[in-house]
Amino acid sequence: MTVMAKLQSRTIRAMNALQERVDSLQDRERGDVPGWVLITIMTAGLVTALWATAQGALTGLFDKAVHGVTGGGK
């Protein structure tokens, strides 16, 4: 095997190894996005459901806290 053939063989193996690493990184990153989207949507849904259910109580709690800090207009 000539020096040129050895160099060509090593270059091809290195390129194949690099391509496999890039492909594995792309596959791994692709799986994270749907998970984060799902978590974000579920969190937004929970906040909306809690707000719709307890809007009056939360508003009252907030007003009471603000009046307690500001003195309630006394």
PDB file of N, CA and C in Angstrom:
ATOM      1  N   MET A   1       0.859  -1.170   0.000  1.00  0.00           N
ATOM      2  CA  MET A   1       0.000   0.000   0.000  1.00  0.00           C
ATOM      3  C   MET A   1       0.907   1.235   0.000  1.00  0.00           C
ATOM      4  N   THR A   2       0.630   2.147  -0.888  1.00  0.00           N
ATOM      5  CA  THR A   2       1.469   3.333  -0.999  1.00  0.00           C
ATOM      6  C   THR A   2       1.111   4.344   0.090  1.00  0.00           C
ATOM      7  N   VAL A   3       1.977   5.311   0.249  1.00  0.00           N
ATOM      8  CA  VAL A   3       1.760   6.360   1.250  1.00  0.00           C
ATOM      9  C   VAL A   3       0.484   7.134   0.923  1.00  0.00           C
ATOM     10  N   MET A   4       0.274   7.414  -0.345  1.00  0.00           N
ATOM     11  CA  MET A   4      -0.912   8.156  -0.776  1.00  0.00           C
ATOM     12  C   MET A   4      -2.188   7.363  -0.488  1.00  0.00           C
ATOM     13  N   ALA A   5      -2.177   6.059  -0.698  1.00  0.00           N
ATOM     14  CA  ALA A   5      -3.338   5.213  -0.433  1.00  0.00           C
ATOM     15  C   ALA A   5      -3.632   5.163   1.062  1.00  0.00           C
ATOM     16  N   LYS A   6      -2.575   5.091   1.894  1.00  0.00           N
ATOM     17  CA  LYS A   6      -2.765   5.090   3.346  1.00  0.00           C
ATOM     18  C   LYS A   6      -3.373   6.414   3.815  1.00  0.00           C
ATOM     19  N   LEU A   7      -2.871   7.508   3.273  1.00  0.00           N
ATOM     20  CA  LEU A   7      -3.382   8.824   3.640  1.00  0.00           C
ATOM     21  C   LEU A   7      -4.848   8.966   3.238  1.00  0.00           C
ATOM     22  N   GLN A   8      -5.181   8.492   2.059  1.00  0.00           N
ATOM     23  CA  GLN A   8      -6.551   8.556   1.577  1.00  0.00           C
ATOM     24  C   GLN A   8      -7.468   7.700   2.456  1.00  0.00           C
ATOM     25  N   SER A   9      -7.012   6.520   2.838  1.00  0.00           N
ATOM     26  CA  SER A   9      -7.800   5.641   3.678  1.00  0.00           C
ATOM     27  C   SER A   9      -8.053   6.265   5.053  1.00  0.00           C
ATOM     28  N   ARG A  10      -7.024   6.852   5.652  1.00  0.00           N
ATOM     29  CA  ARG A  10      -7.175   7.493   6.963  1.00  0.00           C
ATOM     30  C   ARG A  10      -8.115   8.698   6.881  1.00  0.00           C
ATOM     31  N   THR A  11      -8.005   9.456   5.807  1.00  0.00           N
ATOM     32  CA  THR A  11      -8.868  10.626   5.627  1.00  0.00           C
ATOM     33  C   THR A  11     -10.330  10.210   5.526  1.00  0.00           C
ATOM     34  N   ILE A  12     -10.589   9.165   4.770  1.00  0.00           N
ATOM     35  CA  ILE A  12     -11.969   8.684   4.618  1.00  0.00           C
ATOM     36  C   ILE A  12     -12.518   8.193   5.959  1.00  0.00           C
ATOM     37  N   ARG A  13     -11.705   7.440   6.714  1.00  0.00           N
ATOM     38  CA  ARG A  13     -12.160   6.959   8.027  1.00  0.00           C
ATOM     39  C   ARG A  13     -12.431   8.119   8.980  1.00  0.00           C
ATOM     40  N   ALA A  14     -11.559   9.130   8.946  1.00  0.00           N
ATOM     41  CA  ALA A  14     -11.749  10.293   9.814  1.00  0.00           C
ATOM     42  C   ALA A  14     -13.020  11.054   9.444  1.00  0.00           C
ATOM     43  N   MET A  15     -13.273  11.202   8.164  1.00  0.00           N
ATOM     44  CA  MET A  15     -14.484  11.900   7.712  1.00  0.00           C
ATOM     45  C   MET A  15     -15.743  11.122   8.110  1.00  0.00           C
ATOM     46  N   ASN A  16     -15.702   9.804   7.984  1.00  0.00           N
ATOM     47  CA  ASN A  16     -16.843   8.982   8.387  1.00  0.00           C
ATOM     48  C   ASN A  16     -17.098   9.082   9.882  1.00  0.00           C
ATOM     49  N   ALA A  17     -16.023   9.052  10.683  1.00  0.00           N
ATOM     50  CA  ALA A  17     -16.167   9.165  12.135  1.00  0.00           C
ATOM     51  C   ALA A  17     -16.747  10.525  12.510  1.00  0.00           C
ATOM     52  N   LEU A  18     -16.271  11.584  11.852  1.00  0.00           N
ATOM     53  CA  LEU A  18     -16.785  12.925  12.117  1.00  0.00           C
ATOM     54  C   LEU A  18     -18.260  13.027  11.744  1.00  0.00           C
ATOM     55  N   GLN A  19     -18.640  12.470  10.625  1.00  0.00           N
ATOM     56  CA  GLN A  19     -20.039  12.503  10.202  1.00  0.00           C
ATOM     57  C   GLN A  19     -20.938  11.764  11.192  1.00  0.00           C
ATOM     58  N   GLU A  20     -20.483  10.631  11.718  1.00  0.00           N
ATOM     59  CA  GLU A  20     -21.259   9.882  12.710  1.00  0.00           C
ATOM     60  C   GLU A  20     -21.449  10.698  13.982  1.00  0.00           C
ATOM     61  N   ARG A  21     -20.401  11.401  14.408  1.00  0.00           N
ATOM     62  CA  ARG A  21     -20.507  12.227  15.622  1.00  0.00           C
ATOM     63  C   ARG A  21     -21.488  13.371  15.411  1.00  0.00           C
ATOM     64  N   VAL A  22     -21.430  14.013  14.264  1.00  0.00           N
ATOM     65  CA  VAL A  22     -22.347  15.120  13.966  1.00  0.00           C
ATOM     66  C   VAL A  22     -23.779  14.604  13.919  1.00  0.00           C
ATOM     67  N   ASP A  23     -23.988  13.466  13.278  1.00  0.00           N
ATOM     68  CA  ASP A  23     -25.330  12.884  13.197  1.00  0.00           C
ATOM     69  C   ASP A  23     -25.873  12.543  14.575  1.00  0.00           C
ATOM     70  N   SER A  24     -25.034  11.996  15.447  1.00  0.00           N
ATOM     71  CA  SER A  24     -25.504  11.625  16.783  1.00  0.00           C
ATOM     72  C   SER A  24     -25.850  12.865  17.596  1.00  0.00           C
ATOM     73  N   LEU A  25     -25.112  13.956  17.426  1.00  0.00           N
ATOM     74  CA  LEU A  25     -25.431  15.195  18.138  1.00  0.00           C
ATOM     75  C   LEU A  25     -26.741  15.784  17.639  1.00  0.00           C
ATOM     76  N   GLN A  26     -26.974  15.738  16.356  1.00  0.00           N
ATOM     77  CA  GLN A  26     -28.212  16.275  15.805  1.00  0.00           C
ATOM     78  C   GLN A  26     -29.407  15.467  16.291  1.00  0.00           C
ATOM     79  N   ASP A  27     -29.298  14.161  16.348  1.00  0.00           N
ATOM     80  CA  ASP A  27     -30.396  13.321  16.818  1.00  0.00           C
ATOM     81  C   ASP A  27     -30.708  13.611  18.280  1.00  0.00           C
ATOM     82  N   ARG A  28     -29.683  13.811  19.090  1.00  0.00           N
ATOM     83  CA  ARG A  28     -29.867  14.056  20.512  1.00  0.00           C
ATOM     84  C   ARG A  28     -30.557  15.405  20.725  1.00  0.00           C
ATOM     85  N   GLU A  29     -30.158  16.427  19.999  1.00  0.00           N
ATOM     86  CA  GLU A  29     -30.730  17.751  20.162  1.00  0.00           C
ATOM     87  C   GLU A  29     -32.187  17.793  19.692  1.00  0.00           C
ATOM     88  N   ARG A  30     -32.502  17.036  18.688  1.00  0.00           N
ATOM     89  CA  ARG A  30     -33.857  17.035  18.159  1.00  0.00           C
ATOM     90  C   ARG A  30     -34.850  16.518  19.187  1.00  0.00           C
ATOM     91  N   GLY A  31     -34.438  15.606  20.047  1.00  0.00           N
ATOM     92  CA  GLY A  31     -35.340  15.033  21.033  1.00  0.00           C
ATOM     93  C   GLY A  31     -35.662  15.968  22.177  1.00  0.00           C
ATOM     94  N   ASP A  32     -34.814  16.966  22.436  1.00  0.00           N
ATOM     95  CA  ASP A  32     -35.048  17.866  23.555  1.00  0.00           C
ATOM     96  C   ASP A  32     -36.132  18.897  23.268  1.00  0.00           C
ATOM     97  N   VAL A  33     -36.252  19.335  22.049  1.00  0.00           N
ATOM     98  CA  VAL A  33     -37.183  20.411  21.727  1.00  0.00           C
ATOM     99  C   VAL A  33     -38.632  20.019  22.011  1.00  0.00           C
ATOM    100  N   PRO A  34     -39.130  18.884  21.547  1.00  0.00           N
ATOM    101  CA  PRO A  34     -40.522  18.545  21.853  1.00  0.00           C
ATOM    102  C   PRO A  34     -40.788  18.437  23.359  1.00  0.00           C
ATOM    103  N   GLY A  35     -39.805  17.975  24.115  1.00  0.00           N
ATOM    104  CA  GLY A  35     -39.981  17.886  25.562  1.00  0.00           C
ATOM    105  C   GLY A  35     -40.174  19.247  26.196  1.00  0.00           C
ATOM    106  N   TRP A  36     -39.354  20.210  25.802  1.00  0.00           N
ATOM    107  CA  TRP A  36     -39.483  21.554  26.361  1.00  0.00           C
ATOM    108  C   TRP A  36     -40.769  22.224  25.909  1.00  0.00           C
ATOM    109  N   VAL A  37     -41.160  21.995  24.680  1.00  0.00           N
ATOM    110  CA  VAL A  37     -42.423  22.559  24.198  1.00  0.00           C
ATOM    111  C   VAL A  37     -43.583  21.986  25.007  1.00  0.00           C
ATOM    112  N   LEU A  38     -43.555  20.691  25.241  1.00  0.00           N
ATOM    113  CA  LEU A  38     -44.613  20.053  26.020  1.00  0.00           C
ATOM    114  C   LEU A  38     -44.653  20.605  27.439  1.00  0.00           C
ATOM    115  N   ILE A  39     -43.508  20.768  28.072  1.00  0.00           N
ATOM    116  CA  ILE A  39     -43.463  21.313  29.430  1.00  0.00           C
ATOM    117  C   ILE A  39     -44.008  22.734  29.455  1.00  0.00           C
ATOM    118  N   THR A  40     -43.649  23.541  28.470  1.00  0.00           N
ATOM    119  CA  THR A  40     -44.125  24.928  28.414  1.00  0.00           C
ATOM    120  C   THR A  40     -45.634  24.983  28.236  1.00  0.00           C
ATOM    121  N   ILE A  41     -46.159  24.171  27.341  1.00  0.00           N
ATOM    122  CA  ILE A  41     -47.609  24.170  27.101  1.00  0.00           C
ATOM    123  C   ILE A  41     -48.361  23.667  28.331  1.00  0.00           C
ATOM    124  N   MET A  42     -47.841  22.628  28.973  1.00  0.00           N
ATOM    125  CA  MET A  42     -48.509  22.101  30.162  1.00  0.00           C
ATOM    126  C   MET A  42     -48.479  23.126  31.295  1.00  0.00           C
ATOM    127  N   THR A  43     -47.377  23.833  31.457  1.00  0.00           N
ATOM    128  CA  THR A  43     -47.286  24.858  32.496  1.00  0.00           C
ATOM    129  C   THR A  43     -48.279  25.977  32.226  1.00  0.00           C
ATOM    130  N   ALA A  44     -48.353  26.418  30.992  1.00  0.00           N
ATOM    131  CA  ALA A  44     -49.315  27.467  30.633  1.00  0.00           C
ATOM    132  C   ALA A  44     -50.742  27.001  30.894  1.00  0.00           C
ATOM    133  N   GLY A  45     -51.030  25.748  30.590  1.00  0.00           N
ATOM    134  CA  GLY A  45     -52.363  25.200  30.848  1.00  0.00           C
ATOM    135  C   GLY A  45     -52.686  25.147  32.333  1.00  0.00           C
ATOM    136  N   LEU A  46     -51.714  24.734  33.144  1.00  0.00           N
ATOM    137  CA  LEU A  46     -51.938  24.696  34.594  1.00  0.00           C
ATOM    138  C   LEU A  46     -52.161  26.081  35.168  1.00  0.00           C
ATOM    139  N   VAL A  47     -51.374  27.046  34.731  1.00  0.00           N
ATOM    140  CA  VAL A  47     -51.544  28.424  35.220  1.00  0.00           C
ATOM    141  C   VAL A  47     -52.910  28.959  34.820  1.00  0.00           C
ATOM    142  N   THR A  48     -53.319  28.706  33.594  1.00  0.00           N
ATOM    143  CA  THR A  48     -54.627  29.168  33.129  1.00  0.00           C
ATOM    144  C   THR A  48     -55.752  28.519  33.929  1.00  0.00           C
ATOM    145  N   ALA A  49     -55.647  27.222  34.161  1.00  0.00           N
ATOM    146  CA  ALA A  49     -56.684  26.525  34.931  1.00  0.00           C
ATOM    147  C   ALA A  49     -56.751  27.034  36.374  1.00  0.00           C
ATOM    148  N   LEU A  50     -55.600  27.228  36.997  1.00  0.00           N
ATOM    149  CA  LEU A  50     -55.592  27.750  38.367  1.00  0.00           C
ATOM    150  C   LEU A  50     -56.134  29.168  38.422  1.00  0.00           C
ATOM    151  N   TRP A  51     -55.750  29.993  37.463  1.00  0.00           N
ATOM    152  CA  TRP A  51     -56.223  31.371  37.455  1.00  0.00           C
ATOM    153  C   TRP A  51     -57.742  31.415  37.250  1.00  0.00           C
ATOM    154  N   ALA A  52     -58.259  30.610  36.339  1.00  0.00           N
ATOM    155  CA  ALA A  52     -59.702  30.599  36.079  1.00  0.00           C
ATOM    156  C   ALA A  52     -60.475  30.119  37.310  1.00  0.00           C
ATOM    157  N   THR A  53     -59.895  29.160  38.024  1.00  0.00           N
ATOM    158  CA  THR A  53     -60.573  28.599  39.190  1.00  0.00           C
ATOM    159  C   THR A  53     -60.505  29.525  40.394  1.00  0.00           C
ATOM    160  N   ALA A  54     -59.363  30.152  40.611  1.00  0.00           N
ATOM    161  CA  ALA A  54     -59.153  30.902  41.851  1.00  0.00           C
ATOM    162  C   ALA A  54     -58.929  32.385  41.619  1.00  0.00           C
ATOM    163  N   GLN A  55     -59.487  32.944  40.568  1.00  0.00           N
ATOM    164  CA  GLN A  55     -59.241  34.343  40.238  1.00  0.00           C
ATOM    165  C   GLN A  55     -59.696  35.275  41.360  1.00  0.00           C
ATOM    166  N   GLY A  56     -60.857  35.066  41.880  1.00  0.00           N
ATOM    167  CA  GLY A  56     -61.363  35.933  42.951  1.00  0.00           C
ATOM    168  C   GLY A  56     -60.492  35.875  44.197  1.00  0.00           C
ATOM    169  N   ALA A  57     -60.122  34.671  44.607  1.00  0.00           N
ATOM    170  CA  ALA A  57     -59.297  34.514  45.803  1.00  0.00           C
ATOM    171  C   ALA A  57     -57.905  35.105  45.593  1.00  0.00           C
ATOM    172  N   LEU A  58     -57.331  34.902  44.416  1.00  0.00           N
ATOM    173  CA  LEU A  58     -56.001  35.452  44.138  1.00  0.00           C
ATOM    174  C   LEU A  58     -56.028  36.979  44.089  1.00  0.00           C
ATOM    175  N   THR A  59     -57.063  37.549  43.490  1.00  0.00           N
ATOM    176  CA  THR A  59     -57.190  39.005  43.436  1.00  0.00           C
ATOM    177  C   THR A  59     -57.348  39.578  44.836  1.00  0.00           C
ATOM    178  N   GLY A  60     -58.175  38.942  45.642  1.00  0.00           N
ATOM    179  CA  GLY A  60     -58.355  39.392  47.029  1.00  0.00           C
ATOM    180  C   GLY A  60     -57.066  39.297  47.825  1.00  0.00           C
ATOM    181  N   LEU A  61     -56.337  38.216  47.657  1.00  0.00           N
ATOM    182  CA  LEU A  61     -55.065  38.030  48.349  1.00  0.00           C
ATOM    183  C   LEU A  61     -54.061  39.098  47.936  1.00  0.00           C
ATOM    184  N   PHE A  62     -54.014  39.408  46.653  1.00  0.00           N
ATOM    185  CA  PHE A  62     -53.103  40.438  46.158  1.00  0.00           C
ATOM    186  C   PHE A  62     -53.479  41.812  46.709  1.00  0.00           C
ATOM    187  N   ASP A  63     -54.778  42.137  46.665  1.00  0.00           N
ATOM    188  CA  ASP A  63     -55.221  43.434  47.184  1.00  0.00           C
ATOM    189  C   ASP A  63     -54.915  43.582  48.670  1.00  0.00           C
ATOM    190  N   LYS A  64     -55.141  42.517  49.430  1.00  0.00           N
ATOM    191  CA  LYS A  64     -54.860  42.539  50.873  1.00  0.00           C
ATOM    192  C   LYS A  64     -53.369  42.752  51.116  1.00  0.00           C
ATOM    193  N   ALA A  65     -52.518  42.096  50.340  1.00  0.00           N
ATOM    194  CA  ALA A  65     -51.079  42.250  50.492  1.00  0.00           C
ATOM    195  C   ALA A  65     -50.633  43.670  50.155  1.00  0.00           C
ATOM    196  N   VAL A  66     -51.170  44.240  49.085  1.00  0.00           N
ATOM    197  CA  VAL A  66     -50.815  45.609  48.689  1.00  0.00           C
ATOM    198  C   VAL A  66     -51.273  46.592  49.758  1.00  0.00           C
ATOM    199  N   HIS A  67     -52.475  46.425  50.255  1.00  0.00           N
ATOM    200  CA  HIS A  67     -52.978  47.329  51.307  1.00  0.00           C
ATOM    201  C   HIS A  67     -52.165  47.191  52.580  1.00  0.00           C
ATOM    202  N   GLY A  68     -51.702  45.993  52.878  1.00  0.00           N
ATOM    203  CA  GLY A  68     -50.870  45.786  54.068  1.00  0.00           C
ATOM    204  C   GLY A  68     -49.517  46.480  53.951  1.00  0.00           C
ATOM    205  N   VAL A  69     -48.965  46.549  52.767  1.00  0.00           N
ATOM    206  CA  VAL A  69     -47.677  47.191  52.565  1.00  0.00           C
ATOM    207  C   VAL A  69     -47.819  48.712  52.508  1.00  0.00           C
ATOM    208  N   THR A  70     -48.862  49.168  51.831  1.00  0.00           N
ATOM    209  CA  THR A  70     -49.027  50.613  51.640  1.00  0.00           C
ATOM    210  C   THR A  70     -49.767  51.280  52.795  1.00  0.00           C
ATOM    211  N   GLY A  71     -50.321  50.538  53.689  1.00  0.00           N
ATOM    212  CA  GLY A  71     -51.048  51.113  54.808  1.00  0.00           C
ATOM    213  C   GLY A  71     -52.548  51.167  54.561  1.00  0.00           C
ATOM    214  N   GLY A  72     -52.977  50.777  53.409  1.00  0.00           N
ATOM    215  CA  GLY A  72     -54.402  50.667  53.116  1.00  0.00           C
ATOM    216  C   GLY A  72     -55.106  51.994  53.022  1.00  0.00           C
ATOM    217  N   GLY A  73     -54.393  53.082  52.732  1.00  0.00           N
ATOM    218  CA  GLY A  73     -55.023  54.387  52.562  1.00  0.00           C
ATOM    219  C   GLY A  73     -55.433  55.002  53.879  1.00  0.00           C
ATOM    220  N   LYS A  74     -54.786  54.650  54.987  1.00  0.00           N
ATOM    221  CA  LYS A  74     -55.140  55.196  56.307  1.00  0.00           C
ATOM    222  C   LYS A  74     -54.623  56.592  56.458  1.00  0.00           C
TER     223      LYS A  74
END
